[in-house]
């Protein structure tokens, strides 16, 4: 079982950290996946392609077909964009679980799909903050967890690690070095214990669904108290798909939902709460997550 790290040469926030990582000891050339070169260091395989990071689907399966090695996780390096333009270092799971079959994903993936979230997301968010503080990137850079979005399609536990939010910051060498150190330390490439198989209070992080991933038709003309079936939109699909993907990434784990009550109107909260109960998905209390 190996870890795949994927970078693209057309994105400075991707190739920058990849180049910084490859400059560290222990790497040597590996096999090609079609025309994509790879580099090997212990149980880590770094792939460096020349296409959009969200469009190269099924790299986990393509790697296995080409090499016979099974990838048990995939980590993508990419740029982050935000309306605020604030400099940021982010991690997040991937998928577009809210899209209908007739919709075209704007940034990769496939409609109604969510990738299994990588169990490293929670531990690495904390490690990333520690490394960023040590290298004096905080408070200039925000270290944050993003909601589930975009592709590419994979079937292996996956996460994105990103630098944002404008070209000026995508090219920052100090930010690239911090991301490289996150992988170096987190994957134990330096020979020490890696970060990812441990967690705080037994809590990991799965999918995060923002408002746009829970499209709900306003039932303004429906009496309060009616069944959740009366509220249209693909919100139930998004919840179910994300729950099942999270469950697949944590076999034997207890999956709890967390609701940010301030983000919902009362009718939305009531509908979601009722649907979670119908699906036998437990809602955690604040103390369950801290």
C-alpha atoms as a PDB file:
ATOM      1  CA  UNK A   1       0.000   0.000   0.000  1.00  0.00           C
ATOM      2  CA  UNK A   2       1.394   3.381  -1.022  1.00  0.00           C
ATOM      3  CA  UNK A   3       0.522   7.067  -0.712  1.00  0.00           C
ATOM      4  CA  UNK A   4       0.046   9.043  -3.920  1.00  0.00           C
ATOM      5  CA  UNK A   5       0.903  12.748  -3.901  1.00  0.00           C
ATOM      6  CA  UNK A   6      -0.289  14.499  -7.053  1.00  0.00           C
ATOM      7  CA  UNK A   7       0.950  17.822  -8.432  1.00  0.00           C
ATOM      8  CA  UNK A   8       0.570  19.695 -11.710  1.00  0.00           C
ATOM      9  CA  UNK A   9       3.201  21.827 -13.429  1.00  0.00           C
ATOM     10  CA  UNK A  10       0.598  24.364 -14.617  1.00  0.00           C
ATOM     11  CA  UNK A  11      -0.235  25.549 -11.085  1.00  0.00           C
ATOM     12  CA  UNK A  12       2.464  27.374  -9.074  1.00  0.00           C
ATOM     13  CA  UNK A  13       0.709  26.481  -5.801  1.00  0.00           C
ATOM     14  CA  UNK A  14       1.014  22.822  -6.788  1.00  0.00           C
ATOM     15  CA  UNK A  15       4.436  22.528  -8.419  1.00  0.00           C
ATOM     16  CA  UNK A  16       6.022  24.875  -5.846  1.00  0.00           C
ATOM     17  CA  UNK A  17       5.407  22.587  -2.849  1.00  0.00           C
ATOM     18  CA  UNK A  18       6.108  19.496  -4.982  1.00  0.00           C
ATOM     19  CA  UNK A  19       9.502  20.876  -6.049  1.00  0.00           C
ATOM     20  CA  UNK A  20      10.349  21.801  -2.448  1.00  0.00           C
ATOM     21  CA  UNK A  21       9.415  18.282  -1.351  1.00  0.00           C
ATOM     22  CA  UNK A  22      11.458  16.651  -4.123  1.00  0.00           C
ATOM     23  CA  UNK A  23      14.477  18.729  -3.050  1.00  0.00           C
ATOM     24  CA  UNK A  24      14.482  16.852   0.266  1.00  0.00           C
ATOM     25  CA  UNK A  25      16.488  13.627   0.638  1.00  0.00           C
ATOM     26  CA  UNK A  26      15.502  10.146  -0.475  1.00  0.00           C
ATOM     27  CA  UNK A  27      13.739  10.625  -3.809  1.00  0.00           C
ATOM     28  CA  UNK A  28      14.480   8.719  -6.984  1.00  0.00           C
ATOM     29  CA  UNK A  29      12.653   8.382 -10.338  1.00  0.00           C
ATOM     30  CA  UNK A  30       9.762   5.940 -10.451  1.00  0.00           C
ATOM     31  CA  UNK A  31       7.586   4.416 -13.182  1.00  0.00           C
ATOM     32  CA  UNK A  32       5.433   6.361 -15.611  1.00  0.00           C
ATOM     33  CA  UNK A  33       1.633   6.270 -15.548  1.00  0.00           C
ATOM     34  CA  UNK A  34       0.935   6.689 -19.249  1.00  0.00           C
ATOM     35  CA  UNK A  35       2.921   9.923 -19.840  1.00  0.00           C
ATOM     36  CA  UNK A  36       2.980  11.052 -16.196  1.00  0.00           C
ATOM     37  CA  UNK A  37       6.370  10.741 -14.430  1.00  0.00           C
ATOM     38  CA  UNK A  38       6.613   9.670 -10.814  1.00  0.00           C
ATOM     39  CA  UNK A  39       9.124   9.918  -8.008  1.00  0.00           C
ATOM     40  CA  UNK A  40       9.575   7.442  -5.163  1.00  0.00           C
ATOM     41  CA  UNK A  41      10.528   7.894  -1.527  1.00  0.00           C
ATOM     42  CA  UNK A  42       9.784   4.990   0.799  1.00  0.00           C
ATOM     43  CA  UNK A  43       6.067   4.246   0.532  1.00  0.00           C
ATOM     44  CA  UNK A  44       5.282   7.633  -1.074  1.00  0.00           C
ATOM     45  CA  UNK A  45       4.811   8.139  -4.822  1.00  0.00           C
ATOM     46  CA  UNK A  46       4.718  11.677  -6.216  1.00  0.00           C
ATOM     47  CA  UNK A  47       3.081  12.108  -9.642  1.00  0.00           C
ATOM     48  CA  UNK A  48       3.747  15.266 -11.639  1.00  0.00           C
ATOM     49  CA  UNK A  49       1.465  15.881 -14.626  1.00  0.00           C
ATOM     50  CA  UNK A  50       0.816  18.844 -16.931  1.00  0.00           C
ATOM     51  CA  UNK A  51      -2.974  19.039 -16.809  1.00  0.00           C
ATOM     52  CA  UNK A  52      -5.684  20.525 -14.613  1.00  0.00           C
ATOM     53  CA  UNK A  53      -5.476  19.037 -11.127  1.00  0.00           C
ATOM     54  CA  UNK A  54      -9.264  18.504 -11.044  1.00  0.00           C
ATOM     55  CA  UNK A  55      -9.519  16.807 -14.446  1.00  0.00           C
ATOM     56  CA  UNK A  56      -7.116  13.847 -14.132  1.00  0.00           C
ATOM     57  CA  UNK A  57      -9.589  11.212 -12.958  1.00  0.00           C
ATOM     58  CA  UNK A  58      -8.936   7.786 -11.426  1.00  0.00           C
ATOM     59  CA  UNK A  59      -5.231   8.251 -10.768  1.00  0.00           C
ATOM     60  CA  UNK A  60      -5.451   5.739  -7.924  1.00  0.00           C
ATOM     61  CA  UNK A  61      -6.722   3.027 -10.271  1.00  0.00           C
ATOM     62  CA  UNK A  62      -4.396   4.091 -13.087  1.00  0.00           C
ATOM     63  CA  UNK A  63      -1.410   3.821 -10.744  1.00  0.00           C
ATOM     64  CA  UNK A  64      -2.439   0.339  -9.671  1.00  0.00           C
ATOM     65  CA  UNK A  65      -2.952  -0.770 -13.269  1.00  0.00           C
ATOM     66  CA  UNK A  66       0.479   0.548 -14.284  1.00  0.00           C
ATOM     67  CA  UNK A  67       2.524  -0.644 -11.300  1.00  0.00           C
ATOM     68  CA  UNK A  68       0.581  -3.287  -9.402  1.00  0.00           C
ATOM     69  CA  UNK A  69       0.816  -1.124  -6.266  1.00  0.00           C
ATOM     70  CA  UNK A  70      -2.404  -0.298  -4.428  1.00  0.00           C
ATOM     71  CA  UNK A  71      -2.801   3.316  -3.304  1.00  0.00           C
ATOM     72  CA  UNK A  72      -4.474   3.582   0.084  1.00  0.00           C
ATOM     73  CA  UNK A  73      -4.670   7.399  -0.030  1.00  0.00           C
ATOM     74  CA  UNK A  74      -4.238  10.312  -2.429  1.00  0.00           C
ATOM     75  CA  UNK A  75      -3.072  13.845  -1.563  1.00  0.00           C
ATOM     76  CA  UNK A  76      -3.448  16.600  -4.159  1.00  0.00           C
ATOM     77  CA  UNK A  77      -1.467  19.857  -4.120  1.00  0.00           C
ATOM     78  CA  UNK A  78      -3.320  22.841  -5.549  1.00  0.00           C
ATOM     79  CA  UNK A  79      -4.135  26.524  -5.439  1.00  0.00           C
ATOM     80  CA  UNK A  80      -7.026  27.968  -3.485  1.00  0.00           C
ATOM     81  CA  UNK A  81      -9.177  30.884  -4.617  1.00  0.00           C
ATOM     82  CA  UNK A  82     -11.496  33.036  -2.522  1.00  0.00           C
ATOM     83  CA  UNK A  83     -13.481  36.214  -3.040  1.00  0.00           C
ATOM     84  CA  UNK A  84     -11.710  37.733  -0.037  1.00  0.00           C
ATOM     85  CA  UNK A  85      -8.262  37.227  -1.685  1.00  0.00           C
ATOM     86  CA  UNK A  86      -6.947  36.569   1.811  1.00  0.00           C
ATOM     87  CA  UNK A  87      -3.746  34.489   1.969  1.00  0.00           C
ATOM     88  CA  UNK A  88      -4.608  31.023   3.216  1.00  0.00           C
ATOM     89  CA  UNK A  89      -3.371  27.486   3.689  1.00  0.00           C
ATOM     90  CA  UNK A  90      -6.253  25.030   3.446  1.00  0.00           C
ATOM     91  CA  UNK A  91      -7.175  21.349   3.495  1.00  0.00           C
ATOM     92  CA  UNK A  92     -10.424  19.755   2.378  1.00  0.00           C
ATOM     93  CA  UNK A  93     -12.171  16.613   1.082  1.00  0.00           C
ATOM     94  CA  UNK A  94     -13.568  16.478  -2.456  1.00  0.00           C
ATOM     95  CA  UNK A  95     -16.822  15.826  -4.253  1.00  0.00           C
ATOM     96  CA  UNK A  96     -19.924  17.377  -5.797  1.00  0.00           C
ATOM     97  CA  UNK A  97     -22.614  15.356  -4.009  1.00  0.00           C
ATOM     98  CA  UNK A  98     -25.358  17.937  -4.588  1.00  0.00           C
ATOM     99  CA  UNK A  99     -25.277  17.918  -8.400  1.00  0.00           C
ATOM    100  CA  UNK A 100     -27.998  16.123 -10.338  1.00  0.00           C
ATOM    101  CA  UNK A 101     -27.325  13.602 -13.089  1.00  0.00           C
ATOM    102  CA  UNK A 102     -28.113  16.167 -15.785  1.00  0.00           C
ATOM    103  CA  UNK A 103     -25.652  18.753 -14.406  1.00  0.00           C
ATOM    104  CA  UNK A 104     -22.032  19.219 -15.466  1.00  0.00           C
ATOM    105  CA  UNK A 105     -19.542  19.714 -12.631  1.00  0.00           C
ATOM    106  CA  UNK A 106     -17.722  23.025 -13.234  1.00  0.00           C
ATOM    107  CA  UNK A 107     -14.456  21.822 -11.668  1.00  0.00           C
ATOM    108  CA  UNK A 108     -14.206  18.090 -12.130  1.00  0.00           C
ATOM    109  CA  UNK A 109     -15.773  15.167 -10.355  1.00  0.00           C
ATOM    110  CA  UNK A 110     -19.051  13.553 -11.352  1.00  0.00           C
ATOM    111  CA  UNK A 111     -22.618  14.466 -10.369  1.00  0.00           C
ATOM    112  CA  UNK A 112     -23.823  13.047  -7.080  1.00  0.00           C
ATOM    113  CA  UNK A 113     -20.378  11.803  -6.065  1.00  0.00           C
ATOM    114  CA  UNK A 114     -18.125  12.375  -3.060  1.00  0.00           C
ATOM    115  CA  UNK A 115     -14.677  10.887  -2.569  1.00  0.00           C
ATOM    116  CA  UNK A 116     -13.831   9.109   0.696  1.00  0.00           C
ATOM    117  CA  UNK A 117     -12.273  11.750   2.984  1.00  0.00           C
ATOM    118  CA  UNK A 118      -8.667  11.166   3.961  1.00  0.00           C
ATOM    119  CA  UNK A 119      -8.338  10.442   7.724  1.00  0.00           C
ATOM    120  CA  UNK A 120      -5.348  12.798   7.805  1.00  0.00           C
ATOM    121  CA  UNK A 121      -7.511  15.895   7.259  1.00  0.00           C
ATOM    122  CA  UNK A 122      -8.092  16.675  10.945  1.00  0.00           C
ATOM    123  CA  UNK A 123      -4.592  15.858  12.255  1.00  0.00           C
ATOM    124  CA  UNK A 124      -2.926  17.615   9.327  1.00  0.00           C
ATOM    125  CA  UNK A 125      -4.970  20.775   9.827  1.00  0.00           C
ATOM    126  CA  UNK A 126      -3.459  21.019  13.309  1.00  0.00           C
ATOM    127  CA  UNK A 127       0.023  20.113  12.069  1.00  0.00           C
ATOM    128  CA  UNK A 128      -0.234  22.678   9.268  1.00  0.00           C
ATOM    129  CA  UNK A 129      -1.057  25.408  11.768  1.00  0.00           C
ATOM    130  CA  UNK A 130       1.931  24.436  13.904  1.00  0.00           C
ATOM    131  CA  UNK A 131       4.353  24.477  10.967  1.00  0.00           C
ATOM    132  CA  UNK A 132       2.923  27.756   9.626  1.00  0.00           C
ATOM    133  CA  UNK A 133       3.376  29.376  13.049  1.00  0.00           C
ATOM    134  CA  UNK A 134       6.949  28.118  13.284  1.00  0.00           C
ATOM    135  CA  UNK A 135       7.722  29.685   9.890  1.00  0.00           C
ATOM    136  CA  UNK A 136       6.027  32.993  10.753  1.00  0.00           C
ATOM    137  CA  UNK A 137       3.216  32.715   8.201  1.00  0.00           C
ATOM    138  CA  UNK A 138       0.580  33.365  10.856  1.00  0.00           C
ATOM    139  CA  UNK A 139      -1.264  35.751  11.162  1.00  0.00           C
ATOM    140  CA  UNK A 140      -0.608  36.771   7.547  1.00  0.00           C
ATOM    141  CA  UNK A 141      -1.958  33.417   6.330  1.00  0.00           C
ATOM    142  CA  UNK A 142      -5.169  31.911   7.597  1.00  0.00           C
ATOM    143  CA  UNK A 143      -5.028  28.140   8.196  1.00  0.00           C
ATOM    144  CA  UNK A 144      -8.463  26.732   7.550  1.00  0.00           C
ATOM    145  CA  UNK A 145     -10.602  23.727   6.722  1.00  0.00           C
ATOM    146  CA  UNK A 146     -12.652  24.084   3.546  1.00  0.00           C
ATOM    147  CA  UNK A 147     -15.959  22.536   2.587  1.00  0.00           C
ATOM    148  CA  UNK A 148     -16.225  19.608   0.185  1.00  0.00           C
ATOM    149  CA  UNK A 149     -15.999  20.668  -3.464  1.00  0.00           C
ATOM    150  CA  UNK A 150     -14.680  19.821  -6.969  1.00  0.00           C
ATOM    151  CA  UNK A 151     -12.927  16.754  -8.452  1.00  0.00           C
ATOM    152  CA  UNK A 152     -11.095  14.789  -9.704  1.00  0.00           C
ATOM    153  CA  UNK A 153     -12.787  11.407  -9.411  1.00  0.00           C
ATOM    154  CA  UNK A 154     -10.985   8.940  -7.140  1.00  0.00           C
ATOM    155  CA  UNK A 155     -12.199   6.030  -5.034  1.00  0.00           C
ATOM    156  CA  UNK A 156      -9.440   6.148  -2.422  1.00  0.00           C
ATOM    157  CA  UNK A 157      -9.417   8.346   0.733  1.00  0.00           C
ATOM    158  CA  UNK A 158      -8.407  11.745  -0.569  1.00  0.00           C
ATOM    159  CA  UNK A 159      -7.617  15.297   0.474  1.00  0.00           C
ATOM    160  CA  UNK A 160      -6.499  18.541  -1.133  1.00  0.00           C
ATOM    161  CA  UNK A 161      -3.800  20.746   0.405  1.00  0.00           C
ATOM    162  CA  UNK A 162      -3.894  24.264  -1.003  1.00  0.00           C
ATOM    163  CA  UNK A 163      -2.231  27.681  -0.993  1.00  0.00           C
ATOM    164  CA  UNK A 164      -4.415  30.746  -1.525  1.00  0.00           C
ATOM    165  CA  UNK A 165      -5.778  32.996  -2.564  1.00  0.00           C
ATOM    166  CA  UNK A 166      -4.137  34.989  -5.423  1.00  0.00           C
ATOM    167  CA  UNK A 167      -1.225  34.488  -7.796  1.00  0.00           C
ATOM    168  CA  UNK A 168       1.043  36.469  -5.491  1.00  0.00           C
ATOM    169  CA  UNK A 169       0.554  33.895  -2.738  1.00  0.00           C
ATOM    170  CA  UNK A 170       0.416  30.843  -5.025  1.00  0.00           C
ATOM    171  CA  UNK A 171       4.036  31.633  -5.909  1.00  0.00           C
ATOM    172  CA  UNK A 172       5.248  32.273  -2.365  1.00  0.00           C
ATOM    173  CA  UNK A 173       8.258  30.076  -1.697  1.00  0.00           C
ATOM    174  CA  UNK A 174       7.810  30.246   2.085  1.00  0.00           C
ATOM    175  CA  UNK A 175       4.251  28.939   1.722  1.00  0.00           C
ATOM    176  CA  UNK A 176       5.471  26.195  -0.631  1.00  0.00           C
ATOM    177  CA  UNK A 177       8.095  25.194   1.919  1.00  0.00           C
ATOM    178  CA  UNK A 178       5.498  24.951   4.681  1.00  0.00           C
ATOM    179  CA  UNK A 179       3.321  22.647   2.567  1.00  0.00           C
ATOM    180  CA  UNK A 180       6.377  20.544   1.691  1.00  0.00           C
ATOM    181  CA  UNK A 181       7.224  20.231   5.391  1.00  0.00           C
ATOM    182  CA  UNK A 182       3.624  19.227   6.119  1.00  0.00           C
ATOM    183  CA  UNK A 183       4.023  16.259   3.777  1.00  0.00           C
ATOM    184  CA  UNK A 184       7.584  15.509   4.905  1.00  0.00           C
ATOM    185  CA  UNK A 185       6.616  15.339   8.569  1.00  0.00           C
ATOM    186  CA  UNK A 186       3.077  14.056   8.112  1.00  0.00           C
ATOM    187  CA  UNK A 187       4.177  11.149   5.907  1.00  0.00           C
ATOM    188  CA  UNK A 188       7.240  10.399   8.038  1.00  0.00           C
ATOM    189  CA  UNK A 189       9.601  10.849   5.098  1.00  0.00           C
ATOM    190  CA  UNK A 190      12.235  12.006   7.525  1.00  0.00           C
ATOM    191  CA  UNK A 191      12.083   8.712   9.376  1.00  0.00           C
ATOM    192  CA  UNK A 192       9.970   9.873  12.326  1.00  0.00           C
ATOM    193  CA  UNK A 193       6.417   8.742  13.086  1.00  0.00           C
ATOM    194  CA  UNK A 194       3.931  10.213  10.629  1.00  0.00           C
ATOM    195  CA  UNK A 195       0.865  12.254  11.488  1.00  0.00           C
ATOM    196  CA  UNK A 196      -2.476  10.945  10.373  1.00  0.00           C
ATOM    197  CA  UNK A 197      -3.205   7.683  12.129  1.00  0.00           C
ATOM    198  CA  UNK A 198      -3.603   9.410  15.465  1.00  0.00           C
ATOM    199  CA  UNK A 199      -6.338  11.850  16.451  1.00  0.00           C
ATOM    200  CA  UNK A 200      -7.477  13.990  19.348  1.00  0.00           C
ATOM    201  CA  UNK A 201     -10.172  12.482  21.596  1.00  0.00           C
ATOM    202  CA  UNK A 202     -10.879   9.895  18.912  1.00  0.00           C
ATOM    203  CA  UNK A 203     -12.301  12.517  16.526  1.00  0.00           C
ATOM    204  CA  UNK A 204     -11.571  12.661  12.807  1.00  0.00           C
ATOM    205  CA  UNK A 205     -13.015  14.899  10.089  1.00  0.00           C
ATOM    206  CA  UNK A 206     -15.224  13.740   7.233  1.00  0.00           C
ATOM    207  CA  UNK A 207     -17.170  15.698   4.623  1.00  0.00           C
ATOM    208  CA  UNK A 208     -18.216  19.297   5.168  1.00  0.00           C
ATOM    209  CA  UNK A 209     -21.282  20.535   3.288  1.00  0.00           C
ATOM    210  CA  UNK A 210     -21.713  24.277   2.845  1.00  0.00           C
ATOM    211  CA  UNK A 211     -24.986  25.980   1.974  1.00  0.00           C
ATOM    212  CA  UNK A 212     -24.552  25.655  -1.787  1.00  0.00           C
ATOM    213  CA  UNK A 213     -24.039  21.907  -1.362  1.00  0.00           C
ATOM    214  CA  UNK A 214     -27.411  21.635   0.382  1.00  0.00           C
ATOM    215  CA  UNK A 215     -29.806  23.157  -2.179  1.00  0.00           C
ATOM    216  CA  UNK A 216     -33.249  23.364  -0.590  1.00  0.00           C
ATOM    217  CA  UNK A 217     -36.363  24.841  -2.155  1.00  0.00           C
ATOM    218  CA  UNK A 218     -37.964  27.369   0.186  1.00  0.00           C
ATOM    219  CA  UNK A 219     -41.322  25.914   1.268  1.00  0.00           C
ATOM    220  CA  UNK A 220     -42.848  29.339   1.869  1.00  0.00           C
ATOM    221  CA  UNK A 221     -46.226  28.110   0.700  1.00  0.00           C
ATOM    222  CA  UNK A 222     -46.115  24.882   2.728  1.00  0.00           C
ATOM    223  CA  UNK A 223     -47.444  24.618   6.249  1.00  0.00           C
ATOM    224  CA  UNK A 224     -44.809  24.314   8.952  1.00  0.00           C
ATOM    225  CA  UNK A 225     -44.458  20.782  10.209  1.00  0.00           C
ATOM    226  CA  UNK A 226     -44.937  18.930   6.942  1.00  0.00           C
ATOM    227  CA  UNK A 227     -42.660  16.027   6.065  1.00  0.00           C
ATOM    228  CA  UNK A 228     -39.163  16.612   4.705  1.00  0.00           C
ATOM    229  CA  UNK A 229     -40.403  15.117   1.430  1.00  0.00           C
ATOM    230  CA  UNK A 230     -42.180  18.416   0.813  1.00  0.00           C
ATOM    231  CA  UNK A 231     -38.897  20.316   0.531  1.00  0.00           C
ATOM    232  CA  UNK A 232     -37.365  19.975  -2.910  1.00  0.00           C
ATOM    233  CA  UNK A 233     -33.743  20.141  -3.967  1.00  0.00           C
ATOM    234  CA  UNK A 234     -30.841  17.688  -3.894  1.00  0.00           C
ATOM    235  CA  UNK A 235     -29.970  18.318  -0.256  1.00  0.00           C
ATOM    236  CA  UNK A 236     -30.981  14.828   0.870  1.00  0.00           C
ATOM    237  CA  UNK A 237     -28.871  13.277  -1.878  1.00  0.00           C
ATOM    238  CA  UNK A 238     -25.875  15.386  -0.813  1.00  0.00           C
ATOM    239  CA  UNK A 239     -26.203  14.325   2.822  1.00  0.00           C
ATOM    240  CA  UNK A 240     -26.656  10.632   2.024  1.00  0.00           C
ATOM    241  CA  UNK A 241     -23.784  10.469  -0.485  1.00  0.00           C
ATOM    242  CA  UNK A 242     -21.428  12.336   1.857  1.00  0.00           C
ATOM    243  CA  UNK A 243     -22.373  10.150   4.817  1.00  0.00           C
ATOM    244  CA  UNK A 244     -21.774   6.947   2.842  1.00  0.00           C
ATOM    245  CA  UNK A 245     -18.403   8.204   1.544  1.00  0.00           C
ATOM    246  CA  UNK A 246     -17.322   9.162   5.066  1.00  0.00           C
ATOM    247  CA  UNK A 247     -18.470   5.801   6.385  1.00  0.00           C
ATOM    248  CA  UNK A 248     -16.365   4.021   3.764  1.00  0.00           C
ATOM    249  CA  UNK A 249     -13.257   5.946   4.863  1.00  0.00           C
ATOM    250  CA  UNK A 250     -13.704   5.055   8.551  1.00  0.00           C
ATOM    251  CA  UNK A 251     -14.817   1.411   8.680  1.00  0.00           C
ATOM    252  CA  UNK A 252     -16.065   0.587  12.148  1.00  0.00           C
ATOM    253  CA  UNK A 253     -16.079   4.253  13.166  1.00  0.00           C
ATOM    254  CA  UNK A 254     -19.066   6.102  14.592  1.00  0.00           C
ATOM    255  CA  UNK A 255     -20.182   8.806  12.153  1.00  0.00           C
ATOM    256  CA  UNK A 256     -21.715  11.889  13.751  1.00  0.00           C
ATOM    257  CA  UNK A 257     -23.221  14.904  12.033  1.00  0.00           C
ATOM    258  CA  UNK A 258     -22.416  18.413  13.231  1.00  0.00           C
ATOM    259  CA  UNK A 259     -24.846  21.224  12.429  1.00  0.00           C
ATOM    260  CA  UNK A 260     -23.772  24.862  12.395  1.00  0.00           C
ATOM    261  CA  UNK A 261     -27.106  26.174  13.606  1.00  0.00           C
ATOM    262  CA  UNK A 262     -26.293  29.772  12.714  1.00  0.00           C
ATOM    263  CA  UNK A 263     -26.027  28.788   9.035  1.00  0.00           C
ATOM    264  CA  UNK A 264     -29.613  27.549   8.723  1.00  0.00           C
ATOM    265  CA  UNK A 265     -33.083  29.013   8.845  1.00  0.00           C
ATOM    266  CA  UNK A 266     -35.404  27.217  11.226  1.00  0.00           C
ATOM    267  CA  UNK A 267     -37.236  25.324   8.473  1.00  0.00           C
ATOM    268  CA  UNK A 268     -33.913  24.176   7.005  1.00  0.00           C
ATOM    269  CA  UNK A 269     -32.620  22.980  10.361  1.00  0.00           C
ATOM    270  CA  UNK A 270     -35.875  21.145  11.090  1.00  0.00           C
ATOM    271  CA  UNK A 271     -35.855  19.436   7.679  1.00  0.00           C
ATOM    272  CA  UNK A 272     -32.208  18.371   7.959  1.00  0.00           C
ATOM    273  CA  UNK A 273     -32.648  17.152  11.538  1.00  0.00           C
ATOM    274  CA  UNK A 274     -35.680  15.087  10.529  1.00  0.00           C
ATOM    275  CA  UNK A 275     -33.888  13.576   7.547  1.00  0.00           C
ATOM    276  CA  UNK A 276     -30.856  12.650   9.643  1.00  0.00           C
ATOM    277  CA  UNK A 277     -33.169  10.876  12.073  1.00  0.00           C
ATOM    278  CA  UNK A 278     -34.838   9.007   9.192  1.00  0.00           C
ATOM    279  CA  UNK A 279     -31.386   7.867   8.023  1.00  0.00           C
ATOM    280  CA  UNK A 280     -30.301   6.872  11.557  1.00  0.00           C
ATOM    281  CA  UNK A 281     -27.467   9.412  11.438  1.00  0.00           C
ATOM    282  CA  UNK A 282     -26.680  10.691  14.911  1.00  0.00           C
ATOM    283  CA  UNK A 283     -26.217  14.407  15.556  1.00  0.00           C
ATOM    284  CA  UNK A 284     -23.255  15.103  17.802  1.00  0.00           C
ATOM    285  CA  UNK A 285     -23.218  17.592  20.657  1.00  0.00           C
ATOM    286  CA  UNK A 286     -20.474  20.242  20.858  1.00  0.00           C
ATOM    287  CA  UNK A 287     -18.636  18.244  23.508  1.00  0.00           C
ATOM    288  CA  UNK A 288     -18.383  15.272  21.146  1.00  0.00           C
ATOM    289  CA  UNK A 289     -16.079  17.202  18.817  1.00  0.00           C
ATOM    290  CA  UNK A 290     -13.703  18.994  21.174  1.00  0.00           C
END
